[in-house]
Amino acid sequence: METKQETKQTPEKKFRAGAISATVWKNDGQKGSYRSVQLTRSFRDKSEQWKTTSTFRINDLPKVALVASKAFEYLAMSDHGQTSESDTEELEELL
């Protein structure tokens, strides 16, 4: 009988500003590997357990912008984003 071992994926990079974080993940798809970014806010629930959410309050938005910018910089400047030619042209316009 075969047993599956669960492998916990670890993030490639994490940017944090207080309770807000942007986590860069490396993914494998049918056309090769690609990177994705997950934005979350950490909080404690009523029973004091740590949880995360992808919902942000108005005061969180400057930190969301900061960590998203850092993740973008990491991916764009290190070419980890595996961008296509059209994406590269768009990036050059932004930079």
Protein backbone atom coordinates (compact mmCIF):
# COMPACT_ATOMS: atom_id res chain seq x y z
CA MET A 1 0.00 0.00 0.00
CA GLU A 2 1.30 3.45 -0.93
CA THR A 3 1.24 6.27 1.56
CA LYS A 4 1.41 9.92 0.64
CA GLN A 5 3.74 12.10 2.59
CA GLU A 6 2.52 15.61 3.01
CA THR A 7 5.13 18.18 2.11
CA LYS A 8 4.62 21.60 3.54
CA GLN A 9 5.46 24.25 1.01
CA THR A 10 7.60 27.05 2.36
CA PRO A 11 7.40 30.58 0.98
CA GLU A 12 10.17 31.86 -1.24
CA LYS A 13 10.11 35.31 0.37
CA LYS A 14 7.97 37.19 2.88
CA PHE A 15 7.58 40.94 3.34
CA ARG A 16 5.97 42.17 6.56
CA ALA A 17 4.77 45.51 7.90
CA GLY A 18 3.14 44.96 11.29
CA ALA A 19 0.24 42.54 10.88
CA ILE A 20 0.27 42.84 7.07
CA SER A 21 2.35 40.51 4.94
CA ALA A 22 3.02 39.72 1.30
CA THR A 23 4.20 36.16 0.76
CA VAL A 24 5.87 35.11 -2.49
CA TRP A 25 5.18 31.49 -3.46
CA LYS A 26 6.85 29.42 -6.17
CA ASN A 27 4.33 27.26 -8.03
CA ASP A 28 4.73 24.53 -10.62
CA GLY A 29 2.26 24.49 -13.49
CA GLN A 30 1.85 22.65 -16.76
CA LYS A 31 3.87 25.32 -18.57
CA GLY A 32 6.63 25.51 -15.97
CA SER A 33 7.13 27.32 -12.70
CA TYR A 34 5.68 30.70 -11.83
CA ARG A 35 5.47 32.96 -8.79
CA SER A 36 2.39 34.26 -7.00
CA VAL A 37 1.89 36.72 -4.15
CA GLN A 38 -0.51 36.29 -1.24
CA LEU A 39 -1.53 39.35 0.81
CA THR A 40 -2.77 38.71 4.36
CA ARG A 41 -3.47 40.38 7.69
CA SER A 42 -2.82 38.47 10.93
CA PHE A 43 -5.10 38.87 13.94
CA ARG A 44 -6.17 37.09 17.12
CA ASP A 45 -9.73 35.83 17.36
CA LYS A 46 -11.91 35.88 20.49
CA SER A 47 -10.23 32.75 21.81
CA GLU A 48 -6.77 34.34 21.29
CA GLN A 49 -5.89 32.03 18.38
CA TRP A 50 -3.86 33.52 15.53
CA LYS A 51 -5.76 33.73 12.23
CA THR A 52 -5.18 35.35 8.85
CA THR A 53 -7.53 37.13 6.50
CA SER A 54 -7.36 38.72 3.07
CA THR A 55 -9.71 41.50 4.19
CA PHE A 56 -8.12 44.81 5.12
CA ARG A 57 -9.24 47.85 7.07
CA ILE A 58 -8.70 51.39 5.83
CA ASN A 59 -5.70 51.88 8.14
CA ASP A 60 -4.12 48.69 6.76
CA LEU A 61 -4.01 49.94 3.18
CA PRO A 62 -0.73 51.92 3.39
CA LYS A 63 1.00 48.78 4.73
CA VAL A 64 -0.67 46.66 2.04
CA ALA A 65 0.71 49.05 -0.58
CA LEU A 66 4.18 48.88 0.99
CA VAL A 67 4.46 45.09 1.16
CA ALA A 68 2.90 44.70 -2.29
CA SER A 69 5.45 47.16 -3.66
CA LYS A 70 8.30 45.24 -2.03
CA ALA A 71 7.02 41.95 -3.47
CA PHE A 72 6.71 43.55 -6.92
CA GLU A 73 10.24 44.93 -6.65
CA TYR A 74 11.60 41.54 -5.59
CA LEU A 75 9.92 39.74 -8.50
CA ALA A 76 10.53 42.36 -11.17
CA MET A 77 14.13 43.18 -10.33
CA SER A 78 15.27 39.60 -9.79
CA ASP A 79 13.30 38.29 -12.80
CA HIS A 80 11.64 35.67 -10.59
CA GLY A 81 8.29 36.66 -12.02
CA GLN A 82 9.07 34.81 -15.26
CA THR A 83 7.46 37.59 -17.24
CA SER A 84 6.54 37.38 -20.89
CA GLU A 85 7.72 39.93 -23.45
CA SER A 86 4.49 41.97 -23.17
CA ASP A 87 4.75 41.91 -19.35
CA THR A 88 8.34 43.14 -19.59
CA GLU A 89 7.26 46.11 -21.73
CA GLU A 90 4.55 46.93 -19.17
CA LEU A 91 7.08 46.70 -16.32
CA GLU A 92 9.46 49.07 -18.12
CA GLU A 93 6.63 51.61 -18.41
CA LEU A 94 5.94 51.32 -14.68
CA LEU A 95 9.59 51.63 -13.67
